[in-house]
Amino acid sequence: MRTTIDKAGRVVIPAALRDRVGLAAGTEIEVTLEDSVLRLERVAMGPRLVKIGRRLVARPSAPPAARPDIDVGALIEEERSRWP
């Protein structure tokens, strides 16, 4: 997909890509430069470890409203269909 940069230096990320990676208005992203490539990464809060019985279990630290709804099954099927 191609997009353009406006006079203010802003880039519009297509909605299909924003939805796929869980970007919404106000989402923090990390911008890095690797050689001549700009890399955008969503800043996500890491999970916290909670002890349940004798086991440590990873629990999300972000509130449910802040977590994107991602259809994992659809992502897997989409990835499978990319390969012949």
C-alpha atoms as a PDB file:
ATOM      1  CA  MET A   1       0.000   0.000   0.000  1.00  0.00           C
ATOM      2  CA  ARG A   2       1.178   3.486  -0.732  1.00  0.00           C
ATOM      3  CA  THR A   3       0.376   6.680   1.085  1.00  0.00           C
ATOM      4  CA  THR A   4       1.707  10.225   1.078  1.00  0.00           C
ATOM      5  CA  ILE A   5       3.161  12.634   3.596  1.00  0.00           C
ATOM      6  CA  ASP A   6       1.294  15.936   4.008  1.00  0.00           C
ATOM      7  CA  LYS A   7       2.903  19.383   4.428  1.00  0.00           C
ATOM      8  CA  ALA A   8       2.939  18.961   8.226  1.00  0.00           C
ATOM      9  CA  GLY A   9       4.913  15.706   7.919  1.00  0.00           C
ATOM     10  CA  ARG A  10       1.987  13.446   8.819  1.00  0.00           C
ATOM     11  CA  VAL A  11       1.437  10.035   7.288  1.00  0.00           C
ATOM     12  CA  VAL A  12      -1.978   8.401   6.983  1.00  0.00           C
ATOM     13  CA  ILE A  13      -1.858   4.698   7.862  1.00  0.00           C
ATOM     14  CA  PRO A  14      -4.594   2.874   5.918  1.00  0.00           C
ATOM     15  CA  ALA A  15      -7.528   1.699   8.055  1.00  0.00           C
ATOM     16  CA  ALA A  16      -7.034  -1.974   7.145  1.00  0.00           C
ATOM     17  CA  LEU A  17      -3.494  -1.878   8.524  1.00  0.00           C
ATOM     18  CA  ARG A  18      -4.493   0.123  11.621  1.00  0.00           C
ATOM     19  CA  ASP A  19      -7.215  -2.391  12.424  1.00  0.00           C
ATOM     20  CA  ARG A  20      -4.904  -5.360  11.887  1.00  0.00           C
ATOM     21  CA  VAL A  21      -2.304  -4.147  14.392  1.00  0.00           C
ATOM     22  CA  GLY A  22      -4.707  -2.518  16.847  1.00  0.00           C
ATOM     23  CA  LEU A  23      -3.909   1.151  16.280  1.00  0.00           C
ATOM     24  CA  ALA A  24      -6.537   3.670  17.324  1.00  0.00           C
ATOM     25  CA  ALA A  25      -6.569   7.406  17.972  1.00  0.00           C
ATOM     26  CA  GLY A  26      -4.267   8.163  20.882  1.00  0.00           C
ATOM     27  CA  THR A  27      -2.263   4.917  20.602  1.00  0.00           C
ATOM     28  CA  GLU A  28       1.420   5.438  21.368  1.00  0.00           C
ATOM     29  CA  ILE A  29       3.863   4.275  18.716  1.00  0.00           C
ATOM     30  CA  GLU A  30       7.645   4.012  18.768  1.00  0.00           C
ATOM     31  CA  VAL A  31       9.392   5.363  15.654  1.00  0.00           C
ATOM     32  CA  THR A  32      12.909   4.101  14.942  1.00  0.00           C
ATOM     33  CA  LEU A  33      15.313   4.419  12.030  1.00  0.00           C
ATOM     34  CA  GLU A  34      17.160   1.301  10.838  1.00  0.00           C
ATOM     35  CA  ASP A  35      19.540   2.104   7.973  1.00  0.00           C
ATOM     36  CA  SER A  36      17.123   3.851   5.584  1.00  0.00           C
ATOM     37  CA  VAL A  37      13.929   2.224   6.927  1.00  0.00           C
ATOM     38  CA  LEU A  38      11.459   3.880   9.305  1.00  0.00           C
ATOM     39  CA  ARG A  39       9.920   1.377  11.693  1.00  0.00           C
ATOM     40  CA  LEU A  40       6.645   2.019  13.546  1.00  0.00           C
ATOM     41  CA  GLU A  41       5.790  -0.172  16.536  1.00  0.00           C
ATOM     42  CA  ARG A  42       2.770   0.015  18.796  1.00  0.00           C
ATOM     43  CA  VAL A  43       3.826   0.598  22.383  1.00  0.00           C
ATOM     44  CA  ALA A  44       1.987  -2.013  24.404  1.00  0.00           C
ATOM     45  CA  MET A  45       2.074  -2.477  28.121  1.00  0.00           C
ATOM     46  CA  GLY A  46       3.608  -5.810  28.972  1.00  0.00           C
ATOM     47  CA  PRO A  47       1.789  -8.448  30.986  1.00  0.00           C
ATOM     48  CA  ARG A  48       2.189  -8.760  34.728  1.00  0.00           C
ATOM     49  CA  LEU A  49       2.903 -12.057  36.411  1.00  0.00           C
ATOM     50  CA  VAL A  50       0.372 -13.211  39.002  1.00  0.00           C
ATOM     51  CA  LYS A  51       0.936 -16.178  41.273  1.00  0.00           C
ATOM     52  CA  ILE A  52      -2.007 -18.571  41.217  1.00  0.00           C
ATOM     53  CA  GLY A  53      -1.332 -21.513  43.471  1.00  0.00           C
ATOM     54  CA  ARG A  54       2.224 -22.546  42.701  1.00  0.00           C
ATOM     55  CA  ARG A  55       2.192 -21.214  39.135  1.00  0.00           C
ATOM     56  CA  LEU A  56       2.950 -17.834  37.640  1.00  0.00           C
ATOM     57  CA  VAL A  57       0.347 -16.710  35.124  1.00  0.00           C
ATOM     58  CA  ALA A  58       0.714 -13.767  32.720  1.00  0.00           C
ATOM     59  CA  ARG A  59      -2.219 -11.349  32.957  1.00  0.00           C
ATOM     60  CA  PRO A  60      -2.697  -8.284  30.746  1.00  0.00           C
ATOM     61  CA  SER A  61      -1.877  -5.030  32.497  1.00  0.00           C
ATOM     62  CA  ALA A  62      -3.944  -2.885  30.112  1.00  0.00           C
ATOM     63  CA  PRO A  63      -7.625  -2.426  30.933  1.00  0.00           C
ATOM     64  CA  PRO A  64     -10.063  -4.356  28.689  1.00  0.00           C
ATOM     65  CA  ALA A  65     -11.224  -1.180  26.926  1.00  0.00           C
ATOM     66  CA  ALA A  66      -7.633  -0.387  25.895  1.00  0.00           C
ATOM     67  CA  ARG A  67      -6.980  -3.842  24.402  1.00  0.00           C
ATOM     68  CA  PRO A  68      -7.728  -4.235  20.686  1.00  0.00           C
ATOM     69  CA  ASP A  69     -10.239  -6.845  19.566  1.00  0.00           C
ATOM     70  CA  ILE A  70      -8.197  -9.163  17.377  1.00  0.00           C
ATOM     71  CA  ASP A  71      -9.640 -12.201  15.620  1.00  0.00           C
ATOM     72  CA  VAL A  72      -6.702 -14.596  15.972  1.00  0.00           C
ATOM     73  CA  GLY A  73      -8.360 -17.256  13.817  1.00  0.00           C
ATOM     74  CA  ALA A  74      -8.809 -14.792  10.953  1.00  0.00           C
ATOM     75  CA  LEU A  75      -5.168 -13.698  11.229  1.00  0.00           C
ATOM     76  CA  ILE A  76      -4.011 -17.312  11.068  1.00  0.00           C
ATOM     77  CA  GLU A  77      -6.180 -18.034   8.008  1.00  0.00           C
ATOM     78  CA  GLU A  78      -4.982 -14.842   6.338  1.00  0.00           C
ATOM     79  CA  GLU A  79      -1.375 -15.855   6.917  1.00  0.00           C
ATOM     80  CA  ARG A  80      -2.020 -19.375   5.624  1.00  0.00           C
ATOM     81  CA  SER A  81      -3.608 -18.044   2.442  1.00  0.00           C
ATOM     82  CA  ARG A  82      -0.473 -16.016   1.666  1.00  0.00           C
ATOM     83  CA  TRP A  83       1.475 -19.196   0.981  1.00  0.00           C
ATOM     84  CA  PRO A  84       0.792 -21.401  -2.058  1.00  0.00           C
END
